[in-house]
């Protein structure tokens, strides 16, 4: 299973997304690709990607998963 998740979120929520992922025992690392468009990549591992997807699908704000590499 792939461990990189490309996603798009409202730019105002990038910081909160980063803090939430870090708060879950560092399941992944969020990197901003384009702040203006809200494009991010969440880098996890094969062991954490299932948990990351569960978290991303239940955030308190909208996030669109674009690809999973």
PDB file of N, CA and C in Angstrom:
ATOM      1  N   UNK A   1       0.847  -1.181   0.000  1.00  0.00           N
ATOM      2  CA  UNK A   1       0.000   0.000   0.000  1.00  0.00           C
ATOM      3  C   UNK A   1       0.890   1.240   0.000  1.00  0.00           C
ATOM      4  N   UNK A   2       0.469   2.235  -0.721  1.00  0.00           N
ATOM      5  CA  UNK A   2       1.195   3.488  -0.830  1.00  0.00           C
ATOM      6  C   UNK A   2       1.185   4.248   0.486  1.00  0.00           C
ATOM      7  N   UNK A   3       2.203   5.059   0.707  1.00  0.00           N
ATOM      8  CA  UNK A   3       2.282   5.777   1.980  1.00  0.00           C
ATOM      9  C   UNK A   3       2.259   7.297   1.845  1.00  0.00           C
ATOM     10  N   UNK A   4       2.221   7.834   0.633  1.00  0.00           N
ATOM     11  CA  UNK A   4       2.108   9.275   0.421  1.00  0.00           C
ATOM     12  C   UNK A   4       0.688   9.611  -0.014  1.00  0.00           C
ATOM     13  N   UNK A   5       0.092  10.590   0.661  1.00  0.00           N
ATOM     14  CA  UNK A   5      -1.274  10.992   0.353  1.00  0.00           C
ATOM     15  C   UNK A   5      -1.255  12.453  -0.081  1.00  0.00           C
ATOM     16  N   UNK A   6      -1.646  12.709  -1.330  1.00  0.00           N
ATOM     17  CA  UNK A   6      -1.760  14.074  -1.835  1.00  0.00           C
ATOM     18  C   UNK A   6      -3.181  14.533  -1.542  1.00  0.00           C
ATOM     19  N   UNK A   7      -3.309  15.764  -1.022  1.00  0.00           N
ATOM     20  CA  UNK A   7      -4.634  16.248  -0.653  1.00  0.00           C
ATOM     21  C   UNK A   7      -4.731  17.751  -0.863  1.00  0.00           C
ATOM     22  N   UNK A   8      -5.976  18.229  -0.845  1.00  0.00           N
ATOM     23  CA  UNK A   8      -6.236  19.665  -0.944  1.00  0.00           C
ATOM     24  C   UNK A   8      -7.165  20.056   0.189  1.00  0.00           C
ATOM     25  N   UNK A   9      -6.824  21.156   0.824  1.00  0.00           N
ATOM     26  CA  UNK A   9      -7.566  21.657   1.971  1.00  0.00           C
ATOM     27  C   UNK A   9      -7.589  23.180   1.870  1.00  0.00           C
ATOM     28  N   UNK A  10      -8.558  23.798   2.509  1.00  0.00           N
ATOM     29  CA  UNK A  10      -8.583  25.258   2.554  1.00  0.00           C
ATOM     30  C   UNK A  10      -7.249  25.721   3.152  1.00  0.00           C
ATOM     31  N   UNK A  11      -6.568  26.658   2.503  1.00  0.00           N
ATOM     32  CA  UNK A  11      -5.269  27.108   3.012  1.00  0.00           C
ATOM     33  C   UNK A  11      -5.301  27.523   4.488  1.00  0.00           C
ATOM     34  N   UNK A  12      -6.435  28.017   4.951  1.00  0.00           N
ATOM     35  CA  UNK A  12      -6.539  28.422   6.363  1.00  0.00           C
ATOM     36  C   UNK A  12      -6.445  27.228   7.307  1.00  0.00           C
ATOM     37  N   UNK A  13      -6.631  26.005   6.799  1.00  0.00           N
ATOM     38  CA  UNK A  13      -6.619  24.811   7.641  1.00  0.00           C
ATOM     39  C   UNK A  13      -5.317  24.013   7.576  1.00  0.00           C
ATOM     40  N   UNK A  14      -4.353  24.468   6.806  1.00  0.00           N
ATOM     41  CA  UNK A  14      -3.093  23.723   6.671  1.00  0.00           C
ATOM     42  C   UNK A  14      -2.399  23.589   8.022  1.00  0.00           C
ATOM     43  N   UNK A  15      -2.322  24.649   8.785  1.00  0.00           N
ATOM     44  CA  UNK A  15      -1.652  24.595  10.080  1.00  0.00           C
ATOM     45  C   UNK A  15      -2.372  23.628  11.024  1.00  0.00           C
ATOM     46  N   UNK A  16      -3.691  23.666  11.051  1.00  0.00           N
ATOM     47  CA  UNK A  16      -4.449  22.761  11.918  1.00  0.00           C
ATOM     48  C   UNK A  16      -4.255  21.317  11.482  1.00  0.00           C
ATOM     49  N   UNK A  17      -4.245  21.062  10.190  1.00  0.00           N
ATOM     50  CA  UNK A  17      -4.003  19.718   9.685  1.00  0.00           C
ATOM     51  C   UNK A  17      -2.646  19.210  10.167  1.00  0.00           C
ATOM     52  N   UNK A  18      -1.632  20.038  10.046  1.00  0.00           N
ATOM     53  CA  UNK A  18      -0.291  19.662  10.491  1.00  0.00           C
ATOM     54  C   UNK A  18      -0.286  19.339  11.976  1.00  0.00           C
ATOM     55  N   UNK A  19      -0.909  20.170  12.775  1.00  0.00           N
ATOM     56  CA  UNK A  19      -0.948  19.943  14.232  1.00  0.00           C
ATOM     57  C   UNK A  19      -1.701  18.669  14.589  1.00  0.00           C
ATOM     58  N   UNK A  20      -2.807  18.409  13.899  1.00  0.00           N
ATOM     59  CA  UNK A  20      -3.577  17.192  14.180  1.00  0.00           C
ATOM     60  C   UNK A  20      -2.782  15.934  13.849  1.00  0.00           C
ATOM     61  N   UNK A  21      -2.133  15.915  12.702  1.00  0.00           N
ATOM     62  CA  UNK A  21      -1.348  14.736  12.321  1.00  0.00           C
ATOM     63  C   UNK A  21      -0.193  14.542  13.298  1.00  0.00           C
ATOM     64  N   UNK A  22       0.463  15.607  13.691  1.00  0.00           N
ATOM     65  CA  UNK A  22       1.549  15.505  14.673  1.00  0.00           C
ATOM     66  C   UNK A  22       1.036  15.019  16.026  1.00  0.00           C
ATOM     67  N   UNK A  23      -0.170  15.413  16.391  1.00  0.00           N
ATOM     68  CA  UNK A  23      -0.738  15.029  17.683  1.00  0.00           C
ATOM     69  C   UNK A  23      -1.036  13.531  17.755  1.00  0.00           C
ATOM     70  N   UNK A  24      -1.256  12.893  16.630  1.00  0.00           N
ATOM     71  CA  UNK A  24      -1.520  11.460  16.607  1.00  0.00           C
ATOM     72  C   UNK A  24      -0.202  10.691  16.546  1.00  0.00           C
ATOM     73  N   UNK A  25       0.638  10.907  17.522  1.00  0.00           N
ATOM     74  CA  UNK A  25       1.916  10.192  17.633  1.00  0.00           C
ATOM     75  C   UNK A  25       2.745  10.224  16.355  1.00  0.00           C
ATOM     76  N   UNK A  26       2.677  11.342  15.659  1.00  0.00           N
ATOM     77  CA  UNK A  26       3.476  11.521  14.446  1.00  0.00           C
ATOM     78  C   UNK A  26       3.257  10.397  13.441  1.00  0.00           C
ATOM     79  N   UNK A  27       1.995  10.121  13.140  1.00  0.00           N
ATOM     80  CA  UNK A  27       1.672   9.089  12.159  1.00  0.00           C
ATOM     81  C   UNK A  27       2.180   9.449  10.770  1.00  0.00           C
ATOM     82  N   UNK A  28       2.359  10.721  10.531  1.00  0.00           N
ATOM     83  CA  UNK A  28       2.830  11.177   9.232  1.00  0.00           C
ATOM     84  C   UNK A  28       3.407  12.569   9.337  1.00  0.00           C
ATOM     85  N   UNK A  29       3.932  13.034   8.238  1.00  0.00           N
ATOM     86  CA  UNK A  29       4.497  14.379   8.154  1.00  0.00           C
ATOM     87  C   UNK A  29       3.758  15.119   7.045  1.00  0.00           C
ATOM     88  N   UNK A  30       3.262  16.297   7.362  1.00  0.00           N
ATOM     89  CA  UNK A  30       2.544  17.117   6.387  1.00  0.00           C
ATOM     90  C   UNK A  30       3.524  18.113   5.771  1.00  0.00           C
ATOM     91  N   UNK A  31       3.566  18.143   4.454  1.00  0.00           N
ATOM     92  CA  UNK A  31       4.377  19.122   3.727  1.00  0.00           C
ATOM     93  C   UNK A  31       3.458  19.900   2.792  1.00  0.00           C
ATOM     94  N   UNK A  32       3.602  21.203   2.789  1.00  0.00           N
ATOM     95  CA  UNK A  32       2.802  22.052   1.917  1.00  0.00           C
ATOM     96  C   UNK A  32       3.462  22.131   0.543  1.00  0.00           C
ATOM     97  N   UNK A  33       2.702  21.826  -0.496  1.00  0.00           N
ATOM     98  CA  UNK A  33       3.212  21.912  -1.864  1.00  0.00           C
ATOM     99  C   UNK A  33       2.870  23.252  -2.498  1.00  0.00           C
ATOM    100  N   UNK A  34       1.655  23.742  -2.246  1.00  0.00           N
ATOM    101  CA  UNK A  34       1.216  25.043  -2.765  1.00  0.00           C
ATOM    102  C   UNK A  34       0.253  25.653  -1.751  1.00  0.00           C
ATOM    103  N   UNK A  35       0.756  26.604  -0.976  1.00  0.00           N
ATOM    104  CA  UNK A  35      -0.036  27.193   0.094  1.00  0.00           C
ATOM    105  C   UNK A  35      -1.275  27.913  -0.442  1.00  0.00           C
ATOM    106  N   UNK A  36      -1.143  28.596  -1.562  1.00  0.00           N
ATOM    107  CA  UNK A  36      -2.277  29.343  -2.108  1.00  0.00           C
ATOM    108  C   UNK A  36      -3.433  28.437  -2.519  1.00  0.00           C
ATOM    109  N   UNK A  37      -3.116  27.254  -3.008  1.00  0.00           N
ATOM    110  CA  UNK A  37      -4.156  26.318  -3.438  1.00  0.00           C
ATOM    111  C   UNK A  37      -4.505  25.299  -2.355  1.00  0.00           C
ATOM    112  N   UNK A  38      -3.749  25.284  -1.269  1.00  0.00           N
ATOM    113  CA  UNK A  38      -4.006  24.333  -0.194  1.00  0.00           C
ATOM    114  C   UNK A  38      -3.579  22.916  -0.524  1.00  0.00           C
ATOM    115  N   UNK A  39      -2.601  22.764  -1.401  1.00  0.00           N
ATOM    116  CA  UNK A  39      -2.113  21.438  -1.771  1.00  0.00           C
ATOM    117  C   UNK A  39      -1.061  20.967  -0.779  1.00  0.00           C
ATOM    118  N   UNK A  40      -1.272  19.765  -0.250  1.00  0.00           N
ATOM    119  CA  UNK A  40      -0.347  19.201   0.728  1.00  0.00           C
ATOM    120  C   UNK A  40      -0.072  17.746   0.380  1.00  0.00           C
ATOM    121  N   UNK A  41       1.016  17.232   0.920  1.00  0.00           N
ATOM    122  CA  UNK A  41       1.297  15.800   0.874  1.00  0.00           C
ATOM    123  C   UNK A  41       1.494  15.361   2.318  1.00  0.00           C
ATOM    124  N   UNK A  42       0.859  14.260   2.666  1.00  0.00           N
ATOM    125  CA  UNK A  42       1.031  13.673   3.992  1.00  0.00           C
ATOM    126  C   UNK A  42       1.841  12.406   3.777  1.00  0.00           C
ATOM    127  N   UNK A  43       3.037  12.396   4.348  1.00  0.00           N
ATOM    128  CA  UNK A  43       3.936  11.254   4.179  1.00  0.00           C
ATOM    129  C   UNK A  43       3.837  10.365   5.414  1.00  0.00           C
ATOM    130  N   UNK A  44       3.415   9.162   5.187  1.00  0.00           N
ATOM    131  CA  UNK A  44       3.323   8.190   6.264  1.00  0.00           C
ATOM    132  C   UNK A  44       4.186   6.988   5.932  1.00  0.00           C
ATOM    133  N   UNK A  45       3.876   5.882   6.554  1.00  0.00           N
ATOM    134  CA  UNK A  45       4.550   4.628   6.253  1.00  0.00           C
ATOM    135  C   UNK A  45       3.472   3.595   5.916  1.00  0.00           C
ATOM    136  N   UNK A  46       3.891   2.453   5.450  1.00  0.00           N
ATOM    137  CA  UNK A  46       2.929   1.394   5.156  1.00  0.00           C
ATOM    138  C   UNK A  46       2.150   1.008   6.408  1.00  0.00           C
ATOM    139  N   UNK A  47       2.782   1.149   7.569  1.00  0.00           N
ATOM    140  CA  UNK A  47       2.131   0.803   8.838  1.00  0.00           C
ATOM    141  C   UNK A  47       1.131   1.861   9.304  1.00  0.00           C
ATOM    142  N   UNK A  48       1.279   3.102   8.854  1.00  0.00           N
ATOM    143  CA  UNK A  48       0.427   4.174   9.377  1.00  0.00           C
ATOM    144  C   UNK A  48      -0.606   4.691   8.385  1.00  0.00           C
ATOM    145  N   UNK A  49      -0.517   4.311   7.121  1.00  0.00           N
ATOM    146  CA  UNK A  49      -1.380   4.910   6.097  1.00  0.00           C
ATOM    147  C   UNK A  49      -2.866   4.622   6.349  1.00  0.00           C
ATOM    148  N   UNK A  50      -3.205   3.464   6.855  1.00  0.00           N
ATOM    149  CA  UNK A  50      -4.613   3.157   7.128  1.00  0.00           C
ATOM    150  C   UNK A  50      -5.149   4.100   8.212  1.00  0.00           C
ATOM    151  N   UNK A  51      -4.374   4.313   9.266  1.00  0.00           N
ATOM    152  CA  UNK A  51      -4.782   5.235  10.331  1.00  0.00           C
ATOM    153  C   UNK A  51      -4.865   6.665   9.809  1.00  0.00           C
ATOM    154  N   UNK A  52      -3.918   7.056   8.971  1.00  0.00           N
ATOM    155  CA  UNK A  52      -3.943   8.398   8.391  1.00  0.00           C
ATOM    156  C   UNK A  52      -5.202   8.630   7.574  1.00  0.00           C
ATOM    157  N   UNK A  53      -5.575   7.664   6.755  1.00  0.00           N
ATOM    158  CA  UNK A  53      -6.779   7.804   5.935  1.00  0.00           C
ATOM    159  C   UNK A  53      -8.023   7.915   6.810  1.00  0.00           C
ATOM    160  N   UNK A  54      -8.072   7.167   7.891  1.00  0.00           N
ATOM    161  CA  UNK A  54      -9.210   7.243   8.815  1.00  0.00           C
ATOM    162  C   UNK A  54      -9.303   8.641   9.422  1.00  0.00           C
ATOM    163  N   UNK A  55      -8.181   9.186   9.825  1.00  0.00           N
ATOM    164  CA  UNK A  55      -8.157  10.540  10.404  1.00  0.00           C
ATOM    165  C   UNK A  55      -8.569  11.568   9.357  1.00  0.00           C
ATOM    166  N   UNK A  56      -7.998  11.484   8.164  1.00  0.00           N
ATOM    167  CA  UNK A  56      -8.276  12.461   7.112  1.00  0.00           C
ATOM    168  C   UNK A  56      -9.738  12.451   6.698  1.00  0.00           C
ATOM    169  N   UNK A  57     -10.365  11.303   6.757  1.00  0.00           N
ATOM    170  CA  UNK A  57     -11.778  11.212   6.388  1.00  0.00           C
ATOM    171  C   UNK A  57     -12.715  11.659   7.502  1.00  0.00           C
ATOM    172  N   UNK A  58     -12.169  12.010   8.660  1.00  0.00           N
ATOM    173  CA  UNK A  58     -13.006  12.426   9.790  1.00  0.00           C
ATOM    174  C   UNK A  58     -12.549  13.741  10.410  1.00  0.00           C
ATOM    175  N   UNK A  59     -11.901  14.579   9.635  1.00  0.00           N
ATOM    176  CA  UNK A  59     -11.454  15.880  10.127  1.00  0.00           C
ATOM    177  C   UNK A  59     -12.651  16.803  10.357  1.00  0.00           C
ATOM    178  N   UNK A  60     -12.489  17.797  11.228  1.00  0.00           N
ATOM    179  CA  UNK A  60     -13.580  18.752  11.463  1.00  0.00           C
ATOM    180  C   UNK A  60     -13.700  19.824  10.371  1.00  0.00           C
ATOM    181  N   UNK A  61     -12.963  19.650   9.287  1.00  0.00           N
ATOM    182  CA  UNK A  61     -13.025  20.560   8.138  1.00  0.00           C
ATOM    183  C   UNK A  61     -12.843  19.723   6.877  1.00  0.00           C
ATOM    184  N   UNK A  62     -13.318  20.219   5.731  1.00  0.00           N
ATOM    185  CA  UNK A  62     -13.225  19.432   4.495  1.00  0.00           C
ATOM    186  C   UNK A  62     -11.788  19.280   3.994  1.00  0.00           C
ATOM    187  N   UNK A  63     -11.492  18.089   3.530  1.00  0.00           N
ATOM    188  CA  UNK A  63     -10.202  17.779   2.913  1.00  0.00           C
ATOM    189  C   UNK A  63     -10.488  16.808   1.780  1.00  0.00           C
ATOM    190  N   UNK A  64      -9.889  17.088   0.622  1.00  0.00           N
ATOM    191  CA  UNK A  64     -10.076  16.223  -0.551  1.00  0.00           C
ATOM    192  C   UNK A  64      -8.789  15.456  -0.798  1.00  0.00           C
ATOM    193  N   UNK A  65      -8.886  14.133  -0.782  1.00  0.00           N
ATOM    194  CA  UNK A  65      -7.734  13.301  -1.107  1.00  0.00           C
ATOM    195  C   UNK A  65      -7.650  13.231  -2.626  1.00  0.00           C
ATOM    196  N   UNK A  66      -6.519  13.669  -3.167  1.00  0.00           N
ATOM    197  CA  UNK A  66      -6.349  13.722  -4.608  1.00  0.00           C
ATOM    198  C   UNK A  66      -5.748  12.429  -5.153  1.00  0.00           C
ATOM    199  N   UNK A  67      -4.679  11.981  -4.540  1.00  0.00           N
ATOM    200  CA  UNK A  67      -4.036  10.731  -4.943  1.00  0.00           C
ATOM    201  C   UNK A  67      -3.382  10.092  -3.733  1.00  0.00           C
ATOM    202  N   UNK A  68      -3.135   8.824  -3.878  1.00  0.00           N
ATOM    203  CA  UNK A  68      -2.387   8.098  -2.868  1.00  0.00           C
ATOM    204  C   UNK A  68      -1.280   7.366  -3.593  1.00  0.00           C
ATOM    205  N   UNK A  69      -0.039   7.739  -3.317  1.00  0.00           N
ATOM    206  CA  UNK A  69       1.120   7.159  -4.029  1.00  0.00           C
ATOM    207  C   UNK A  69       1.779   6.110  -3.175  1.00  0.00           C
TER     208      UNK A  69
END
